[in-house]
Amino acid sequence: MRTCNRFDNYRDKEMDAAQRREFEAHRTVCEDCRAKETLLDNLVRILKRESLPMPDLAGRIAYQAFQQGSSWDTLVISWLRPGLAFAALTLVLVLFSFVWLLPGNGTISAYSEYKTLMDEADTINLEERMSQVETNSDLVIWLEQEGN
């Protein structure tokens, strides 16, 4: 490993004593390492001298999160908010129209209703039951019983 590449390890104090002595001996003869060290020392000194205010990151993040924009993605998201309600309404309309349009749920014609009633009347066979009635009182009793 080239000794100049170990400059960061030296700065971060990640070397043992023997490696530090070896790098310090290299630094005395290497112009690049000395220039790099001088540059970093000056940068640290300037940063320590300047009092930089701590940025209010939480406030900036909250401001940007709640800020309304007019970009296309904001418009898409605003349309998706009522998406579940719109989807549920669409599903109900589709199901209702499917049930409404099923065959057999259409209107009943008067002829088919008449035919159904006549078929039922034929199965009742009233003449046979009326033959059991002999008097007017039997007729009244039969009408009361059969009428219910």
N, C-alpha and C. Protein backbone atom coordinates (compact mmCIF):
# COMPACT_ATOMS: atom_id res chain seq x y z
N MET A 1 0.84 -1.18 0.00
CA MET A 1 0.00 0.00 0.00
C MET A 1 0.89 1.23 0.00
N ARG A 2 0.59 2.13 -0.87
CA ARG A 2 1.37 3.36 -0.95
C ARG A 2 1.15 4.19 0.30
N THR A 3 2.17 4.80 0.80
CA THR A 3 2.12 5.51 2.07
C THR A 3 1.20 6.72 1.99
N CYS A 4 1.16 7.43 0.88
CA CYS A 4 0.29 8.61 0.75
C CYS A 4 -1.19 8.25 0.89
N ASN A 5 -1.55 7.02 0.54
CA ASN A 5 -2.95 6.60 0.64
C ASN A 5 -3.40 6.41 2.09
N ARG A 6 -2.45 6.35 2.99
CA ARG A 6 -2.78 6.14 4.41
C ARG A 6 -2.92 7.45 5.16
N PHE A 7 -3.01 8.59 4.43
CA PHE A 7 -3.12 9.90 5.07
C PHE A 7 -4.40 10.00 5.93
N ASP A 8 -5.53 9.51 5.42
CA ASP A 8 -6.79 9.58 6.17
C ASP A 8 -6.71 8.75 7.45
N ASN A 9 -6.07 7.60 7.38
CA ASN A 9 -5.91 6.78 8.59
C ASN A 9 -5.08 7.52 9.65
N TYR A 10 -4.07 8.24 9.19
CA TYR A 10 -3.23 9.01 10.11
C TYR A 10 -4.05 10.13 10.74
N ARG A 11 -4.84 10.87 9.92
CA ARG A 11 -5.66 11.98 10.42
C ARG A 11 -6.72 11.48 11.40
N ASP A 12 -7.27 10.32 11.13
CA ASP A 12 -8.33 9.79 11.98
C ASP A 12 -7.80 9.00 13.17
N LYS A 13 -6.48 8.94 13.30
CA LYS A 13 -5.82 8.24 14.41
C LYS A 13 -6.21 6.76 14.44
N GLU A 14 -6.15 6.13 13.28
CA GLU A 14 -6.46 4.72 13.16
C GLU A 14 -5.20 3.87 12.99
N MET A 15 -4.05 4.42 13.32
CA MET A 15 -2.78 3.69 13.17
C MET A 15 -2.20 3.43 14.55
N ASP A 16 -1.42 2.34 14.63
CA ASP A 16 -0.70 2.09 15.88
C ASP A 16 0.56 2.98 15.89
N ALA A 17 1.30 2.94 16.96
CA ALA A 17 2.44 3.84 17.14
C ALA A 17 3.51 3.64 16.06
N ALA A 18 3.81 2.42 15.69
CA ALA A 18 4.84 2.15 14.67
C ALA A 18 4.40 2.70 13.31
N GLN A 19 3.16 2.50 12.97
CA GLN A 19 2.66 3.01 11.69
C GLN A 19 2.64 4.54 11.67
N ARG A 20 2.31 5.15 12.83
CA ARG A 20 2.31 6.62 12.91
C ARG A 20 3.73 7.17 12.69
N ARG A 21 4.71 6.53 13.35
CA ARG A 21 6.10 7.01 13.18
C ARG A 21 6.54 6.86 11.72
N GLU A 22 6.15 5.75 11.09
CA GLU A 22 6.51 5.53 9.69
C GLU A 22 5.88 6.60 8.79
N PHE A 23 4.59 6.94 9.05
CA PHE A 23 3.93 7.95 8.22
C PHE A 23 4.51 9.34 8.47
N GLU A 24 4.84 9.65 9.73
CA GLU A 24 5.42 10.97 10.02
C GLU A 24 6.77 11.13 9.32
N ALA A 25 7.54 10.03 9.24
CA ALA A 25 8.81 10.08 8.52
C ALA A 25 8.55 10.30 7.02
N HIS A 26 7.51 9.68 6.50
CA HIS A 26 7.15 9.87 5.09
C HIS A 26 6.69 11.31 4.85
N ARG A 27 5.92 11.86 5.78
CA ARG A 27 5.37 13.21 5.63
C ARG A 27 6.47 14.27 5.54
N THR A 28 7.59 14.03 6.22
CA THR A 28 8.67 15.03 6.17
C THR A 28 9.29 15.14 4.79
N VAL A 29 9.21 14.07 3.99
CA VAL A 29 9.81 14.09 2.66
C VAL A 29 8.78 14.26 1.54
N CYS A 30 7.48 14.02 1.84
CA CYS A 30 6.44 14.06 0.80
C CYS A 30 5.77 15.43 0.79
N GLU A 31 5.90 16.14 -0.33
CA GLU A 31 5.31 17.48 -0.49
C GLU A 31 3.78 17.40 -0.54
N ASP A 32 3.23 16.38 -1.19
CA ASP A 32 1.76 16.27 -1.32
C ASP A 32 1.09 16.06 0.05
N CYS A 33 1.66 15.22 0.87
CA CYS A 33 1.06 14.95 2.18
C CYS A 33 1.12 16.19 3.07
N ARG A 34 2.24 16.94 3.01
CA ARG A 34 2.35 18.17 3.81
C ARG A 34 1.33 19.20 3.34
N ALA A 35 1.14 19.33 2.03
CA ALA A 35 0.18 20.30 1.49
C ALA A 35 -1.24 19.91 1.89
N LYS A 36 -1.54 18.63 1.83
CA LYS A 36 -2.86 18.15 2.22
C LYS A 36 -3.12 18.41 3.69
N GLU A 37 -2.10 18.16 4.53
CA GLU A 37 -2.26 18.39 5.96
C GLU A 37 -2.44 19.87 6.27
N THR A 38 -1.67 20.73 5.60
CA THR A 38 -1.80 22.17 5.81
C THR A 38 -3.20 22.65 5.40
N LEU A 39 -3.66 22.16 4.27
CA LEU A 39 -4.98 22.55 3.79
C LEU A 39 -6.07 22.13 4.79
N LEU A 40 -6.00 20.92 5.29
CA LEU A 40 -7.01 20.45 6.25
C LEU A 40 -6.92 21.20 7.58
N ASP A 41 -5.68 21.52 8.04
CA ASP A 41 -5.52 22.29 9.27
C ASP A 41 -6.14 23.68 9.13
N ASN A 42 -5.90 24.33 8.00
CA ASN A 42 -6.48 25.66 7.77
C ASN A 42 -8.01 25.60 7.71
N LEU A 43 -8.54 24.58 7.08
CA LEU A 43 -9.98 24.41 6.99
C LEU A 43 -10.59 24.22 8.38
N VAL A 44 -9.96 23.41 9.20
CA VAL A 44 -10.46 23.18 10.56
C VAL A 44 -10.41 24.48 11.36
N ARG A 45 -9.32 25.24 11.23
CA ARG A 45 -9.17 26.49 11.96
C ARG A 45 -10.26 27.49 11.55
N ILE A 46 -10.54 27.60 10.26
CA ILE A 46 -11.58 28.53 9.77
C ILE A 46 -12.96 28.11 10.28
N LEU A 47 -13.23 26.83 10.25
CA LEU A 47 -14.53 26.35 10.71
C LEU A 47 -14.72 26.57 12.20
N LYS A 48 -13.65 26.45 12.98
CA LYS A 48 -13.75 26.66 14.42
C LYS A 48 -13.93 28.14 14.73
N ARG A 49 -13.32 28.99 13.93
CA ARG A 49 -13.39 30.43 14.17
C ARG A 49 -14.79 30.97 13.83
N GLU A 50 -15.36 30.50 12.77
CA GLU A 50 -16.69 30.95 12.34
C GLU A 50 -17.74 30.27 13.21
N SER A 51 -18.65 31.07 13.71
CA SER A 51 -19.75 30.48 14.47
C SER A 51 -20.94 30.33 13.52
N LEU A 52 -21.13 29.14 13.07
CA LEU A 52 -22.21 28.86 12.14
C LEU A 52 -23.46 28.47 12.93
N PRO A 53 -24.57 29.08 12.62
CA PRO A 53 -25.79 28.69 13.33
C PRO A 53 -26.23 27.30 12.89
N MET A 54 -26.75 26.56 13.83
CA MET A 54 -27.24 25.21 13.52
C MET A 54 -28.52 25.33 12.70
N PRO A 55 -28.58 24.67 11.61
CA PRO A 55 -29.79 24.78 10.79
C PRO A 55 -30.97 24.09 11.48
N ASP A 56 -32.14 24.68 11.32
CA ASP A 56 -33.35 24.11 11.88
C ASP A 56 -33.90 23.10 10.88
N LEU A 57 -33.29 21.91 10.89
CA LEU A 57 -33.67 20.90 9.91
C LEU A 57 -35.10 20.43 10.09
N ALA A 58 -35.53 20.28 11.33
CA ALA A 58 -36.89 19.79 11.57
C ALA A 58 -37.90 20.80 11.03
N GLY A 59 -37.66 22.06 11.26
CA GLY A 59 -38.57 23.09 10.76
C GLY A 59 -38.60 23.15 9.24
N ARG A 60 -37.44 23.01 8.61
CA ARG A 60 -37.39 23.04 7.14
C ARG A 60 -38.09 21.83 6.54
N ILE A 61 -37.88 20.68 7.15
CA ILE A 61 -38.52 19.47 6.64
C ILE A 61 -40.04 19.58 6.79
N ALA A 62 -40.50 20.07 7.95
CA ALA A 62 -41.94 20.22 8.15
C ALA A 62 -42.52 21.23 7.18
N TYR A 63 -41.82 22.32 6.93
CA TYR A 63 -42.30 23.34 6.00
C TYR A 63 -42.43 22.77 4.60
N GLN A 64 -41.43 22.02 4.15
CA GLN A 64 -41.48 21.45 2.81
C GLN A 64 -42.52 20.35 2.71
N ALA A 65 -42.75 19.63 3.80
CA ALA A 65 -43.73 18.55 3.77
C ALA A 65 -45.15 19.09 3.63
N PHE A 66 -45.43 20.21 4.29
CA PHE A 66 -46.78 20.75 4.27
C PHE A 66 -46.99 21.83 3.22
N GLN A 67 -45.97 22.16 2.47
CA GLN A 67 -46.09 23.17 1.45
C GLN A 67 -46.81 22.59 0.23
N GLN A 68 -47.84 23.30 -0.22
CA GLN A 68 -48.59 22.85 -1.39
C GLN A 68 -47.89 23.32 -2.64
N GLY A 69 -47.69 22.44 -3.55
CA GLY A 69 -47.07 22.79 -4.81
C GLY A 69 -48.06 22.63 -5.95
N SER A 70 -47.74 23.17 -7.08
CA SER A 70 -48.63 23.05 -8.23
C SER A 70 -48.03 22.12 -9.28
N SER A 71 -47.22 21.20 -8.85
CA SER A 71 -46.61 20.28 -9.80
C SER A 71 -47.60 19.18 -10.16
N TRP A 72 -47.29 18.45 -11.20
CA TRP A 72 -48.19 17.41 -11.70
C TRP A 72 -48.35 16.28 -10.70
N ASP A 73 -47.29 15.96 -9.93
CA ASP A 73 -47.41 14.86 -8.97
C ASP A 73 -48.34 15.23 -7.82
N THR A 74 -48.37 16.50 -7.43
CA THR A 74 -49.31 16.94 -6.39
C THR A 74 -50.74 16.82 -6.89
N LEU A 75 -50.95 17.17 -8.15
CA LEU A 75 -52.30 17.05 -8.71
C LEU A 75 -52.74 15.59 -8.79
N VAL A 76 -51.83 14.70 -9.16
CA VAL A 76 -52.17 13.28 -9.23
C VAL A 76 -52.52 12.75 -7.85
N ILE A 77 -51.73 13.12 -6.85
CA ILE A 77 -51.98 12.65 -5.49
C ILE A 77 -53.30 13.21 -4.97
N SER A 78 -53.62 14.46 -5.32
CA SER A 78 -54.88 15.03 -4.86
C SER A 78 -56.07 14.31 -5.47
N TRP A 79 -55.92 13.79 -6.67
CA TRP A 79 -57.00 13.01 -7.27
C TRP A 79 -57.08 11.62 -6.68
N LEU A 80 -55.99 11.11 -6.13
CA LEU A 80 -56.00 9.76 -5.56
C LEU A 80 -56.55 9.72 -4.14
N ARG A 81 -56.62 10.85 -3.47
CA ARG A 81 -57.11 10.84 -2.09
C ARG A 81 -58.53 10.28 -1.98
N PRO A 82 -59.48 10.76 -2.81
CA PRO A 82 -60.81 10.16 -2.72
C PRO A 82 -60.92 8.90 -3.55
N GLY A 83 -59.81 8.29 -3.85
CA GLY A 83 -59.79 7.13 -4.73
C GLY A 83 -60.58 5.96 -4.20
N LEU A 84 -60.50 5.68 -2.91
CA LEU A 84 -61.22 4.54 -2.37
C LEU A 84 -62.73 4.74 -2.46
N ALA A 85 -63.20 5.95 -2.16
CA ALA A 85 -64.63 6.22 -2.25
C ALA A 85 -65.09 6.12 -3.69
N PHE A 86 -64.31 6.64 -4.62
CA PHE A 86 -64.65 6.58 -6.03
C PHE A 86 -64.67 5.13 -6.52
N ALA A 87 -63.71 4.34 -6.08
CA ALA A 87 -63.66 2.92 -6.46
C ALA A 87 -64.86 2.16 -5.91
N ALA A 88 -65.23 2.44 -4.66
CA ALA A 88 -66.38 1.77 -4.06
C ALA A 88 -67.67 2.15 -4.79
N LEU A 89 -67.83 3.42 -5.13
CA LEU A 89 -69.01 3.86 -5.87
C LEU A 89 -69.08 3.20 -7.24
N THR A 90 -67.96 3.11 -7.92
CA THR A 90 -67.91 2.46 -9.22
C THR A 90 -68.30 0.99 -9.10
N LEU A 91 -67.78 0.32 -8.08
CA LEU A 91 -68.09 -1.09 -7.87
C LEU A 91 -69.58 -1.30 -7.61
N VAL A 92 -70.18 -0.44 -6.80
CA VAL A 92 -71.61 -0.55 -6.51
C VAL A 92 -72.43 -0.33 -7.78
N LEU A 93 -72.05 0.67 -8.58
CA LEU A 93 -72.77 0.92 -9.83
C LEU A 93 -72.66 -0.26 -10.80
N VAL A 94 -71.48 -0.85 -10.88
CA VAL A 94 -71.31 -1.99 -11.77
C VAL A 94 -72.14 -3.17 -11.29
N LEU A 95 -72.12 -3.45 -10.00
CA LEU A 95 -72.91 -4.57 -9.48
C LEU A 95 -74.40 -4.33 -9.65
N PHE A 96 -74.87 -3.11 -9.39
CA PHE A 96 -76.28 -2.79 -9.54
C PHE A 96 -76.72 -2.94 -10.99
N SER A 97 -75.90 -2.43 -11.91
CA SER A 97 -76.28 -2.54 -13.33
C SER A 97 -76.24 -4.01 -13.77
N PHE A 98 -75.34 -4.80 -13.25
CA PHE A 98 -75.27 -6.22 -13.60
C PHE A 98 -76.53 -6.94 -13.12
N VAL A 99 -76.95 -6.67 -11.89
CA VAL A 99 -78.15 -7.31 -11.34
C VAL A 99 -79.38 -6.82 -12.08
N TRP A 100 -79.43 -5.56 -12.42
CA TRP A 100 -80.59 -4.98 -13.09
C TRP A 100 -80.76 -5.55 -14.50
N LEU A 101 -79.65 -5.82 -15.15
CA LEU A 101 -79.71 -6.28 -16.53
C LEU A 101 -79.73 -7.80 -16.69
N LEU A 102 -79.78 -8.53 -15.59
CA LEU A 102 -79.84 -9.99 -15.68
C LEU A 102 -81.13 -10.42 -16.38
N PRO A 103 -81.09 -11.47 -17.18
CA PRO A 103 -82.31 -11.95 -17.81
C PRO A 103 -83.27 -12.48 -16.75
N GLY A 104 -84.56 -12.20 -16.94
CA GLY A 104 -85.55 -12.65 -15.96
C GLY A 104 -85.95 -11.54 -15.01
N ASN A 105 -85.20 -10.47 -14.94
CA ASN A 105 -85.55 -9.35 -14.07
C ASN A 105 -86.24 -8.24 -14.85
N GLY A 106 -86.58 -8.50 -16.09
CA GLY A 106 -87.23 -7.49 -16.91
C GLY A 106 -88.69 -7.32 -16.50
N THR A 107 -89.42 -6.52 -17.26
CA THR A 107 -90.83 -6.30 -16.96
C THR A 107 -91.63 -7.54 -17.36
N ILE A 108 -92.73 -7.77 -16.66
CA ILE A 108 -93.60 -8.92 -16.91
C ILE A 108 -94.75 -8.42 -17.76
N SER A 109 -95.01 -9.09 -18.83
CA SER A 109 -96.11 -8.67 -19.71
C SER A 109 -97.44 -9.15 -19.12
N ALA A 110 -98.51 -8.49 -19.53
CA ALA A 110 -99.84 -8.84 -19.04
C ALA A 110 -100.23 -10.22 -19.53
N TYR A 111 -99.83 -10.57 -20.75
CA TYR A 111 -100.17 -11.88 -21.30
C TYR A 111 -99.53 -13.01 -20.48
N SER A 112 -98.25 -12.87 -20.13
CA SER A 112 -97.59 -13.93 -19.37
C SER A 112 -98.18 -14.04 -17.97
N GLU A 113 -98.59 -12.92 -17.40
CA GLU A 113 -99.22 -12.96 -16.08
C GLU A 113 -100.59 -13.66 -16.17
N TYR A 114 -101.35 -13.35 -17.21
CA TYR A 114 -102.66 -13.97 -17.42
C TYR A 114 -102.51 -15.47 -17.61
N LYS A 115 -101.52 -15.86 -18.39
CA LYS A 115 -101.30 -17.27 -18.67
C LYS A 115 -100.93 -18.00 -17.38
N THR A 116 -100.11 -17.39 -16.54
CA THR A 116 -99.72 -18.01 -15.27
C THR A 116 -100.93 -18.19 -14.37
N LEU A 117 -101.80 -17.18 -14.30
CA LEU A 117 -102.99 -17.28 -13.45
C LEU A 117 -103.95 -18.36 -13.97
N MET A 118 -104.09 -18.45 -15.26
CA MET A 118 -104.98 -19.47 -15.83
C MET A 118 -104.43 -20.88 -15.58
N ASP A 119 -103.13 -21.03 -15.67
CA ASP A 119 -102.53 -22.35 -15.39
C ASP A 119 -102.75 -22.73 -13.94
N GLU A 120 -102.65 -21.79 -13.04
CA GLU A 120 -102.90 -22.08 -11.62
C GLU A 120 -104.37 -22.42 -11.39
N ALA A 121 -105.23 -21.72 -12.06
CA ALA A 121 -106.67 -22.01 -11.90
C ALA A 121 -107.00 -23.40 -12.39
N ASP A 122 -106.35 -23.81 -13.46
CA ASP A 122 -106.59 -25.17 -13.97
C ASP A 122 -106.14 -26.23 -12.97
N THR A 123 -105.09 -25.97 -12.26
CA THR A 123 -104.60 -26.96 -11.30
C THR A 123 -105.47 -27.02 -10.06
N ILE A 124 -106.19 -25.97 -9.76
CA ILE A 124 -107.03 -25.97 -8.55
C ILE A 124 -108.24 -26.89 -8.74
N ASN A 125 -108.77 -26.91 -9.94
CA ASN A 125 -109.89 -27.78 -10.27
C ASN A 125 -111.09 -27.45 -9.40
N LEU A 126 -111.67 -26.28 -9.62
CA LEU A 126 -112.78 -25.77 -8.81
C LEU A 126 -114.07 -26.58 -9.01
N GLU A 127 -114.28 -27.09 -10.20
CA GLU A 127 -115.54 -27.80 -10.47
C GLU A 127 -115.68 -29.03 -9.59
N GLU A 128 -114.57 -29.71 -9.38
CA GLU A 128 -114.61 -30.90 -8.56
C GLU A 128 -114.94 -30.54 -7.12
N ARG A 129 -114.39 -29.46 -6.63
CA ARG A 129 -114.64 -29.04 -5.24
C ARG A 129 -116.06 -28.48 -5.11
N MET A 130 -116.55 -27.78 -6.14
CA MET A 130 -117.90 -27.22 -6.08
C MET A 130 -118.96 -28.33 -6.08
N SER A 131 -118.65 -29.46 -6.65
CA SER A 131 -119.63 -30.56 -6.68
C SER A 131 -119.92 -31.09 -5.28
N GLN A 132 -119.06 -30.83 -4.34
CA GLN A 132 -119.27 -31.28 -2.96
C GLN A 132 -120.28 -30.39 -2.24
N VAL A 133 -120.58 -29.20 -2.78
CA VAL A 133 -121.50 -28.26 -2.15
C VAL A 133 -122.92 -28.58 -2.63
N GLU A 134 -123.83 -28.83 -1.65
CA GLU A 134 -125.19 -29.18 -2.02
C GLU A 134 -126.18 -28.09 -1.68
N THR A 135 -125.97 -27.35 -0.61
CA THR A 135 -126.91 -26.32 -0.19
C THR A 135 -126.20 -24.98 -0.12
N ASN A 136 -127.01 -23.94 0.09
CA ASN A 136 -126.44 -22.59 0.21
C ASN A 136 -125.56 -22.46 1.45
N SER A 137 -125.94 -23.11 2.53
CA SER A 137 -125.12 -23.03 3.75
C SER A 137 -123.79 -23.74 3.54
N ASP A 138 -123.81 -24.85 2.79
CA ASP A 138 -122.54 -25.52 2.46
C ASP A 138 -121.67 -24.63 1.59
N LEU A 139 -122.34 -23.85 0.68
CA LEU A 139 -121.60 -22.93 -0.18
C LEU A 139 -120.92 -21.83 0.64
N VAL A 140 -121.63 -21.29 1.63
CA VAL A 140 -121.05 -20.25 2.49
C VAL A 140 -119.88 -20.83 3.26
N ILE A 141 -120.04 -21.99 3.82
CA ILE A 141 -118.95 -22.64 4.58
C ILE A 141 -117.75 -22.89 3.65
N TRP A 142 -118.06 -23.41 2.44
CA TRP A 142 -116.98 -23.68 1.49
C TRP A 142 -116.24 -22.41 1.08
N LEU A 143 -117.00 -21.32 0.86
CA LEU A 143 -116.36 -20.04 0.49
C LEU A 143 -115.50 -19.51 1.62
N GLU A 144 -115.94 -19.66 2.85
CA GLU A 144 -115.15 -19.20 4.00
C GLU A 144 -113.86 -20.01 4.10
N GLN A 145 -113.95 -21.29 3.91
CA GLN A 145 -112.77 -22.14 4.03
C GLN A 145 -111.84 -21.97 2.83
N GLU A 146 -112.35 -21.99 1.63
CA GLU A 146 -111.55 -21.91 0.44
C GLU A 146 -111.08 -20.48 0.17
N GLY A 147 -111.83 -19.51 0.61
CA GLY A 147 -111.47 -18.11 0.38
C GLY A 147 -110.21 -17.72 1.15
N ASN A 148 -109.98 -18.37 2.28
CA ASN A 148 -108.79 -18.07 3.06
C ASN A 148 -107.60 -18.73 2.41
